[in-house]
Amino acid sequence: MGIFDIIPPVIGVRILFILGIVNLVTGLLIFFSCRCIPGARIMGKLMKYSAYRRYFRYHCYIWRVFWPSVIVHAIIAIVYVGIPF
């Protein structure tokens, strides 16, 4: 019983696409809420605004969505597409 018996290829590709979008969105949310990434230093200046502080409060929670999404996305991509090397 392989992975293709559990998840049909059409569903796997859809999951792969959705997780790719989740990765993109959460990656951008992390970038714009992180004050330690070079090039994002302007975000530190935004801390004086209450709206940005409310958004910044969720920075650690965004990571908890981002990493599982990346891991599952990578596993499904390797299973369905394979390693290109």
PDB file of N, CA and C in Angstrom:
ATOM      1  N   MET A   1       0.857  -1.176   0.000  1.00  0.00           N
ATOM      2  CA  MET A   1       0.000   0.000   0.000  1.00  0.00           C
ATOM      3  C   MET A   1       0.898   1.233   0.000  1.00  0.00           C
ATOM      4  N   GLY A   2       0.904   1.950  -1.087  1.00  0.00           N
ATOM      5  CA  GLY A   2       1.732   3.135  -1.216  1.00  0.00           C
ATOM      6  C   GLY A   2       0.948   4.406  -0.942  1.00  0.00           C
ATOM      7  N   ILE A   3       1.651   5.514  -0.990  1.00  0.00           N
ATOM      8  CA  ILE A   3       1.037   6.809  -0.736  1.00  0.00           C
ATOM      9  C   ILE A   3      -0.024   7.132  -1.793  1.00  0.00           C
ATOM     10  N   PHE A   4       0.147   6.606  -3.009  1.00  0.00           N
ATOM     11  CA  PHE A   4      -0.821   6.878  -4.074  1.00  0.00           C
ATOM     12  C   PHE A   4      -2.148   6.181  -3.811  1.00  0.00           C
ATOM     13  N   ASP A   5      -2.145   5.122  -2.997  1.00  0.00           N
ATOM     14  CA  ASP A   5      -3.386   4.455  -2.620  1.00  0.00           C
ATOM     15  C   ASP A   5      -4.134   5.256  -1.557  1.00  0.00           C
ATOM     16  N   ILE A   6      -3.401   5.983  -0.749  1.00  0.00           N
ATOM     17  CA  ILE A   6      -4.011   6.757   0.332  1.00  0.00           C
ATOM     18  C   ILE A   6      -4.548   8.086  -0.200  1.00  0.00           C
ATOM     19  N   ILE A   7      -3.715   8.805  -0.951  1.00  0.00           N
ATOM     20  CA  ILE A   7      -4.089  10.116  -1.488  1.00  0.00           C
ATOM     21  C   ILE A   7      -4.034  10.046  -3.010  1.00  0.00           C
ATOM     22  N   PRO A   8      -5.178  10.171  -3.679  1.00  0.00           N
ATOM     23  CA  PRO A   8      -5.154  10.165  -5.153  1.00  0.00           C
ATOM     24  C   PRO A   8      -4.302  11.326  -5.683  1.00  0.00           C
ATOM     25  N   PRO A   9      -3.667  11.139  -6.835  1.00  0.00           N
ATOM     26  CA  PRO A   9      -2.786  12.188  -7.382  1.00  0.00           C
ATOM     27  C   PRO A   9      -3.455  13.555  -7.562  1.00  0.00           C
ATOM     28  N   VAL A  10      -4.712  13.574  -7.959  1.00  0.00           N
ATOM     29  CA  VAL A  10      -5.391  14.866  -8.150  1.00  0.00           C
ATOM     30  C   VAL A  10      -5.499  15.610  -6.822  1.00  0.00           C
ATOM     31  N   ILE A  11      -5.856  14.900  -5.778  1.00  0.00           N
ATOM     32  CA  ILE A  11      -5.969  15.512  -4.449  1.00  0.00           C
ATOM     33  C   ILE A  11      -4.588  15.928  -3.953  1.00  0.00           C
ATOM     34  N   GLY A  12      -3.572  15.107  -4.197  1.00  0.00           N
ATOM     35  CA  GLY A  12      -2.209  15.434  -3.790  1.00  0.00           C
ATOM     36  C   GLY A  12      -1.702  16.714  -4.428  1.00  0.00           C
ATOM     37  N   VAL A  13      -1.994  16.895  -5.694  1.00  0.00           N
ATOM     38  CA  VAL A  13      -1.572  18.118  -6.400  1.00  0.00           C
ATOM     39  C   VAL A  13      -2.319  19.324  -5.847  1.00  0.00           C
ATOM     40  N   ARG A  14      -3.587  19.161  -5.542  1.00  0.00           N
ATOM     41  CA  ARG A  14      -4.354  20.271  -4.958  1.00  0.00           C
ATOM     42  C   ARG A  14      -3.806  20.649  -3.587  1.00  0.00           C
ATOM     43  N   ILE A  15      -3.518  19.639  -2.766  1.00  0.00           N
ATOM     44  CA  ILE A  15      -2.928  19.902  -1.449  1.00  0.00           C
ATOM     45  C   ILE A  15      -1.583  20.594  -1.612  1.00  0.00           C
ATOM     46  N   LEU A  16      -0.793  20.139  -2.558  1.00  0.00           N
ATOM     47  CA  LEU A  16       0.512  20.728  -2.834  1.00  0.00           C
ATOM     48  C   LEU A  16       0.370  22.203  -3.216  1.00  0.00           C
ATOM     49  N   PHE A  17      -0.585  22.522  -4.068  1.00  0.00           N
ATOM     50  CA  PHE A  17      -0.812  23.897  -4.484  1.00  0.00           C
ATOM     51  C   PHE A  17      -1.262  24.772  -3.312  1.00  0.00           C
ATOM     52  N   ILE A  18      -2.209  24.280  -2.525  1.00  0.00           N
ATOM     53  CA  ILE A  18      -2.716  25.040  -1.374  1.00  0.00           C
ATOM     54  C   ILE A  18      -1.598  25.288  -0.368  1.00  0.00           C
ATOM     55  N   LEU A  19      -0.790  24.261  -0.093  1.00  0.00           N
ATOM     56  CA  LEU A  19       0.318  24.437   0.841  1.00  0.00           C
ATOM     57  C   LEU A  19       1.355  25.412   0.293  1.00  0.00           C
ATOM     58  N   GLY A  20       1.542  25.437  -1.011  1.00  0.00           N
ATOM     59  CA  GLY A  20       2.453  26.412  -1.613  1.00  0.00           C
ATOM     60  C   GLY A  20       1.971  27.833  -1.377  1.00  0.00           C
ATOM     61  N   ILE A  21       0.675  28.051  -1.518  1.00  0.00           N
ATOM     62  CA  ILE A  21       0.100  29.372  -1.257  1.00  0.00           C
ATOM     63  C   ILE A  21       0.238  29.721   0.224  1.00  0.00           C
ATOM     64  N   VAL A  22      -0.032  28.755   1.105  1.00  0.00           N
ATOM     65  CA  VAL A  22       0.120  28.980   2.548  1.00  0.00           C
ATOM     66  C   VAL A  22       1.571  29.334   2.863  1.00  0.00           C
ATOM     67  N   ASN A  23       2.519  28.632   2.237  1.00  0.00           N
ATOM     68  CA  ASN A  23       3.940  28.927   2.459  1.00  0.00           C
ATOM     69  C   ASN A  23       4.282  30.349   2.024  1.00  0.00           C
ATOM     70  N   LEU A  24       3.778  30.744   0.874  1.00  0.00           N
ATOM     71  CA  LEU A  24       4.050  32.084   0.362  1.00  0.00           C
ATOM     72  C   LEU A  24       3.477  33.161   1.282  1.00  0.00           C
ATOM     73  N   VAL A  25       2.226  33.001   1.670  1.00  0.00           N
ATOM     74  CA  VAL A  25       1.568  33.997   2.522  1.00  0.00           C
ATOM     75  C   VAL A  25       2.217  34.068   3.895  1.00  0.00           C
ATOM     76  N   THR A  26       2.432  32.914   4.528  1.00  0.00           N
ATOM     77  CA  THR A  26       3.038  32.936   5.857  1.00  0.00           C
ATOM     78  C   THR A  26       4.490  33.408   5.795  1.00  0.00           C
ATOM     79  N   GLY A  27       5.193  33.088   4.717  1.00  0.00           N
ATOM     80  CA  GLY A  27       6.563  33.586   4.561  1.00  0.00           C
ATOM     81  C   GLY A  27       6.594  35.103   4.501  1.00  0.00           C
ATOM     82  N   LEU A  28       5.665  35.695   3.758  1.00  0.00           N
ATOM     83  CA  LEU A  28       5.585  37.154   3.692  1.00  0.00           C
ATOM     84  C   LEU A  28       5.175  37.747   5.039  1.00  0.00           C
ATOM     85  N   LEU A  29       4.238  37.102   5.710  1.00  0.00           N
ATOM     86  CA  LEU A  29       3.823  37.593   7.030  1.00  0.00           C
ATOM     87  C   LEU A  29       4.979  37.550   8.022  1.00  0.00           C
ATOM     88  N   ILE A  30       5.781  36.496   7.961  1.00  0.00           N
ATOM     89  CA  ILE A  30       6.951  36.399   8.837  1.00  0.00           C
ATOM     90  C   ILE A  30       7.959  37.487   8.489  1.00  0.00           C
ATOM     91  N   PHE A  31       8.230  37.661   7.200  1.00  0.00           N
ATOM     92  CA  PHE A  31       9.199  38.669   6.784  1.00  0.00           C
ATOM     93  C   PHE A  31       8.797  40.061   7.278  1.00  0.00           C
ATOM     94  N   PHE A  32       7.526  40.403   7.109  1.00  0.00           N
ATOM     95  CA  PHE A  32       7.093  41.740   7.484  1.00  0.00           C
ATOM     96  C   PHE A  32       6.857  41.911   8.977  1.00  0.00           C
ATOM     97  N   SER A  33       6.913  40.826   9.740  1.00  0.00           N
ATOM     98  CA  SER A  33       6.779  40.969  11.188  1.00  0.00           C
ATOM     99  C   SER A  33       8.098  40.710  11.904  1.00  0.00           C
ATOM    100  N   CYS A  34       9.157  40.420  11.163  1.00  0.00           N
ATOM    101  CA  CYS A  34      10.450  40.118  11.778  1.00  0.00           C
ATOM    102  C   CYS A  34      11.345  41.353  11.743  1.00  0.00           C
ATOM    103  N   ARG A  35      11.920  41.663  12.883  1.00  0.00           N
ATOM    104  CA  ARG A  35      12.794  42.831  12.963  1.00  0.00           C
ATOM    105  C   ARG A  35      14.259  42.463  12.824  1.00  0.00           C
ATOM    106  N   CYS A  36      14.584  41.189  12.704  1.00  0.00           N
ATOM    107  CA  CYS A  36      15.982  40.780  12.688  1.00  0.00           C
ATOM    108  C   CYS A  36      16.483  40.369  11.302  1.00  0.00           C
ATOM    109  N   ILE A  37      15.624  40.330  10.310  1.00  0.00           N
ATOM    110  CA  ILE A  37      16.036  39.974   8.952  1.00  0.00           C
ATOM    111  C   ILE A  37      16.651  41.209   8.296  1.00  0.00           C
ATOM    112  N   PRO A  38      17.853  41.091   7.746  1.00  0.00           N
ATOM    113  CA  PRO A  38      18.446  42.249   7.064  1.00  0.00           C
ATOM    114  C   PRO A  38      17.537  42.709   5.921  1.00  0.00           C
ATOM    115  N   GLY A  39      17.399  43.983   5.797  1.00  0.00           N
ATOM    116  CA  GLY A  39      16.520  44.525   4.773  1.00  0.00           C
ATOM    117  C   GLY A  39      15.128  44.803   5.296  1.00  0.00           C
ATOM    118  N   ALA A  40      14.816  44.262   6.456  1.00  0.00           N
ATOM    119  CA  ALA A  40      13.492  44.477   7.047  1.00  0.00           C
ATOM    120  C   ALA A  40      13.593  45.399   8.258  1.00  0.00           C
ATOM    121  N   ARG A  41      14.656  46.150   8.350  1.00  0.00           N
ATOM    122  CA  ARG A  41      14.858  47.027   9.514  1.00  0.00           C
ATOM    123  C   ARG A  41      13.797  48.113   9.607  1.00  0.00           C
ATOM    124  N   ILE A  42      13.179  48.404   8.511  1.00  0.00           N
ATOM    125  CA  ILE A  42      12.109  49.407   8.551  1.00  0.00           C
ATOM    126  C   ILE A  42      10.974  48.941   9.452  1.00  0.00           C
ATOM    127  N   MET A  43      10.847  47.632   9.605  1.00  0.00           N
ATOM    128  CA  MET A  43       9.776  47.104  10.448  1.00  0.00           C
ATOM    129  C   MET A  43       9.978  47.508  11.902  1.00  0.00           C
ATOM    130  N   GLY A  44      11.228  47.636  12.320  1.00  0.00           N
ATOM    131  CA  GLY A  44      11.502  48.078  13.686  1.00  0.00           C
ATOM    132  C   GLY A  44      10.958  49.478  13.932  1.00  0.00           C
ATOM    133  N   LYS A  45      10.976  50.311  12.916  1.00  0.00           N
ATOM    134  CA  LYS A  45      10.459  51.675  13.045  1.00  0.00           C
ATOM    135  C   LYS A  45       8.936  51.694  13.125  1.00  0.00           C
ATOM    136  N   LEU A  46       8.315  50.639  12.650  1.00  0.00           N
ATOM    137  CA  LEU A  46       6.851  50.580  12.672  1.00  0.00           C
ATOM    138  C   LEU A  46       6.290  50.228  14.044  1.00  0.00           C
ATOM    139  N   MET A  47       7.176  49.849  14.977  1.00  0.00           N
ATOM    140  CA  MET A  47       6.708  49.429  16.303  1.00  0.00           C
ATOM    141  C   MET A  47       6.006  50.554  17.053  1.00  0.00           C
ATOM    142  N   LYS A  48       6.165  51.782  16.632  1.00  0.00           N
ATOM    143  CA  LYS A  48       5.493  52.880  17.334  1.00  0.00           C
ATOM    144  C   LYS A  48       3.996  52.933  17.007  1.00  0.00           C
ATOM    145  N   TYR A  49       3.566  52.161  16.007  1.00  0.00           N
ATOM    146  CA  TYR A  49       2.155  52.126  15.626  1.00  0.00           C
ATOM    147  C   TYR A  49       1.450  50.947  16.291  1.00  0.00           C
ATOM    148  N   SER A  50       0.307  51.204  16.880  1.00  0.00           N
ATOM    149  CA  SER A  50      -0.402  50.155  17.619  1.00  0.00           C
ATOM    150  C   SER A  50      -0.884  49.031  16.697  1.00  0.00           C
ATOM    151  N   ALA A  51      -1.265  49.369  15.469  1.00  0.00           N
ATOM    152  CA  ALA A  51      -1.725  48.332  14.533  1.00  0.00           C
ATOM    153  C   ALA A  51      -0.594  47.348  14.234  1.00  0.00           C
ATOM    154  N   TYR A  52       0.609  47.857  14.043  1.00  0.00           N
ATOM    155  CA  TYR A  52       1.745  46.974  13.763  1.00  0.00           C
ATOM    156  C   TYR A  52       2.092  46.138  14.995  1.00  0.00           C
ATOM    157  N   ARG A  53       1.984  46.714  16.177  1.00  0.00           N
ATOM    158  CA  ARG A  53       2.264  45.946  17.407  1.00  0.00           C
ATOM    159  C   ARG A  53       1.268  44.809  17.570  1.00  0.00           C
ATOM    160  N   ARG A  54      -0.001  45.053  17.210  1.00  0.00           N
ATOM    161  CA  ARG A  54      -0.992  43.968  17.279  1.00  0.00           C
ATOM    162  C   ARG A  54      -0.625  42.857  16.294  1.00  0.00           C
ATOM    163  N   TYR A  55      -0.212  43.226  15.106  1.00  0.00           N
ATOM    164  CA  TYR A  55       0.225  42.253  14.088  1.00  0.00           C
ATOM    165  C   TYR A  55       1.489  41.534  14.539  1.00  0.00           C
ATOM    166  N   PHE A  56       2.430  42.267  15.108  1.00  0.00           N
ATOM    167  CA  PHE A  56       3.698  41.698  15.556  1.00  0.00           C
ATOM    168  C   PHE A  56       3.487  40.663  16.664  1.00  0.00           C
ATOM    169  N   ARG A  57       2.442  40.833  17.443  1.00  0.00           N
ATOM    170  CA  ARG A  57       2.136  39.907  18.528  1.00  0.00           C
ATOM    171  C   ARG A  57       1.945  38.469  18.027  1.00  0.00           C
ATOM    172  N   TYR A  58       1.553  38.308  16.772  1.00  0.00           N
ATOM    173  CA  TYR A  58       1.294  36.987  16.203  1.00  0.00           C
ATOM    174  C   TYR A  58       2.497  36.390  15.474  1.00  0.00           C
ATOM    175  N   HIS A  59       3.633  37.053  15.528  1.00  0.00           N
ATOM    176  CA  HIS A  59       4.831  36.599  14.806  1.00  0.00           C
ATOM    177  C   HIS A  59       5.184  35.147  15.146  1.00  0.00           C
ATOM    178  N   CYS A  60       5.230  34.806  16.409  1.00  0.00           N
ATOM    179  CA  CYS A  60       5.608  33.435  16.814  1.00  0.00           C
ATOM    180  C   CYS A  60       4.565  32.404  16.379  1.00  0.00           C
ATOM    181  N   TYR A  61       3.323  32.783  16.343  1.00  0.00           N
ATOM    182  CA  TYR A  61       2.272  31.860  15.923  1.00  0.00           C
ATOM    183  C   TYR A  61       2.321  31.597  14.418  1.00  0.00           C
ATOM    184  N   ILE A  62       2.744  32.594  13.664  1.00  0.00           N
ATOM    185  CA  ILE A  62       2.856  32.416  12.214  1.00  0.00           C
ATOM    186  C   ILE A  62       3.898  31.353  11.908  1.00  0.00           C
ATOM    187  N   TRP A  63       4.988  31.330  12.699  1.00  0.00           N
ATOM    188  CA  TRP A  63       6.010  30.297  12.505  1.00  0.00           C
ATOM    189  C   TRP A  63       5.419  28.907  12.705  1.00  0.00           C
ATOM    190  N   ARG A  64       4.480  28.766  13.619  1.00  0.00           N
ATOM    191  CA  ARG A  64       3.868  27.461  13.907  1.00  0.00           C
ATOM    192  C   ARG A  64       2.988  26.967  12.766  1.00  0.00           C
ATOM    193  N   VAL A  65       2.574  27.850  11.906  1.00  0.00           N
ATOM    194  CA  VAL A  65       1.841  27.464  10.699  1.00  0.00           C
ATOM    195  C   VAL A  65       2.831  27.224   9.556  1.00  0.00           C
ATOM    196  N   PHE A  66       3.854  28.081   9.479  1.00  0.00           N
ATOM    197  CA  PHE A  66       4.795  28.053   8.372  1.00  0.00           C
ATOM    198  C   PHE A  66       5.582  26.742   8.301  1.00  0.00           C
ATOM    199  N   TRP A  67       6.247  26.326   9.377  1.00  0.00           N
ATOM    200  CA  TRP A  67       7.115  25.143   9.310  1.00  0.00           C
ATOM    201  C   TRP A  67       6.374  23.846   9.036  1.00  0.00           C
ATOM    202  N   PRO A  68       5.256  23.550   9.700  1.00  0.00           N
ATOM    203  CA  PRO A  68       4.539  22.324   9.317  1.00  0.00           C
ATOM    204  C   PRO A  68       4.076  22.352   7.864  1.00  0.00           C
ATOM    205  N   SER A  69       3.666  23.519   7.394  1.00  0.00           N
ATOM    206  CA  SER A  69       3.242  23.638   6.003  1.00  0.00           C
ATOM    207  C   SER A  69       4.408  23.365   5.050  1.00  0.00           C
ATOM    208  N   VAL A  70       5.573  23.892   5.354  1.00  0.00           N
ATOM    209  CA  VAL A  70       6.752  23.662   4.514  1.00  0.00           C
ATOM    210  C   VAL A  70       7.132  22.185   4.511  1.00  0.00           C
ATOM    211  N   ILE A  71       7.112  21.559   5.676  1.00  0.00           N
ATOM    212  CA  ILE A  71       7.506  20.149   5.785  1.00  0.00           C
ATOM    213  C   ILE A  71       6.539  19.257   5.007  1.00  0.00           C
ATOM    214  N   VAL A  72       5.240  19.446   5.212  1.00  0.00           N
ATOM    215  CA  VAL A  72       4.249  18.627   4.505  1.00  0.00           C
ATOM    216  C   VAL A  72       4.318  18.891   3.001  1.00  0.00           C
ATOM    217  N   HIS A  73       4.491  20.152   2.623  1.00  0.00           N
ATOM    218  CA  HIS A  73       4.617  20.514   1.211  1.00  0.00           C
ATOM    219  C   HIS A  73       5.819  19.806   0.577  1.00  0.00           C
ATOM    220  N   ALA A  74       6.942  19.802   1.273  1.00  0.00           N
ATOM    221  CA  ALA A  74       8.147  19.148   0.748  1.00  0.00           C
ATOM    222  C   ALA A  74       7.960  17.643   0.619  1.00  0.00           C
ATOM    223  N   ILE A  75       7.354  17.022   1.611  1.00  0.00           N
ATOM    224  CA  ILE A  75       7.142  15.568   1.572  1.00  0.00           C
ATOM    225  C   ILE A  75       6.229  15.200   0.408  1.00  0.00           C
ATOM    226  N   ILE A  76       5.127  15.915   0.264  1.00  0.00           N
ATOM    227  CA  ILE A  76       4.200  15.604  -0.826  1.00  0.00           C
ATOM    228  C   ILE A  76       4.856  15.870  -2.176  1.00  0.00           C
ATOM    229  N   ALA A  77       5.620  16.942  -2.281  1.00  0.00           N
ATOM    230  CA  ALA A  77       6.299  17.247  -3.545  1.00  0.00           C
ATOM    231  C   ALA A  77       7.293  16.148  -3.909  1.00  0.00           C
ATOM    232  N   ILE A  78       8.037  15.654  -2.947  1.00  0.00           N
ATOM    233  CA  ILE A  78       9.006  14.582  -3.215  1.00  0.00           C
ATOM    234  C   ILE A  78       8.291  13.296  -3.597  1.00  0.00           C
ATOM    235  N   VAL A  79       7.173  13.011  -2.927  1.00  0.00           N
ATOM    236  CA  VAL A  79       6.436  11.789  -3.239  1.00  0.00           C
ATOM    237  C   VAL A  79       5.834  11.831  -4.645  1.00  0.00           C
ATOM    238  N   TYR A  80       5.205  12.951  -4.992  1.00  0.00           N
ATOM    239  CA  TYR A  80       4.505  13.033  -6.283  1.00  0.00           C
ATOM    240  C   TYR A  80       5.398  13.426  -7.454  1.00  0.00           C
ATOM    241  N   VAL A  81       6.396  14.263  -7.217  1.00  0.00           N
ATOM    242  CA  VAL A  81       7.234  14.738  -8.297  1.00  0.00           C
ATOM    243  C   VAL A  81       8.590  14.030  -8.315  1.00  0.00           C
ATOM    244  N   GLY A  82       9.068  13.696  -7.147  1.00  0.00           N
ATOM    245  CA  GLY A  82      10.364  13.031  -7.046  1.00  0.00           C
ATOM    246  C   GLY A  82      11.479  14.042  -6.870  1.00  0.00           C
ATOM    247  N   ILE A  83      12.679  13.549  -6.668  1.00  0.00           N
ATOM    248  CA  ILE A  83      13.848  14.410  -6.519  1.00  0.00           C
ATOM    249  C   ILE A  83      14.423  14.630  -7.917  1.00  0.00           C
ATOM    250  N   PRO A  84      14.582  15.883  -8.335  1.00  0.00           N
ATOM    251  CA  PRO A  84      14.959  16.155  -9.711  1.00  0.00           C
ATOM    252  C   PRO A  84      16.423  15.939 -10.052  1.00  0.00           C
ATOM    253  N   PHE A  85      17.217  15.412  -9.149  1.00  0.00           N
ATOM    254  CA  PHE A  85      18.656  15.243  -9.429  1.00  0.00           C
ATOM    255  C   PHE A  85      18.970  13.820  -9.802  1.00  0.00           C
TER     256      PHE A  85
END
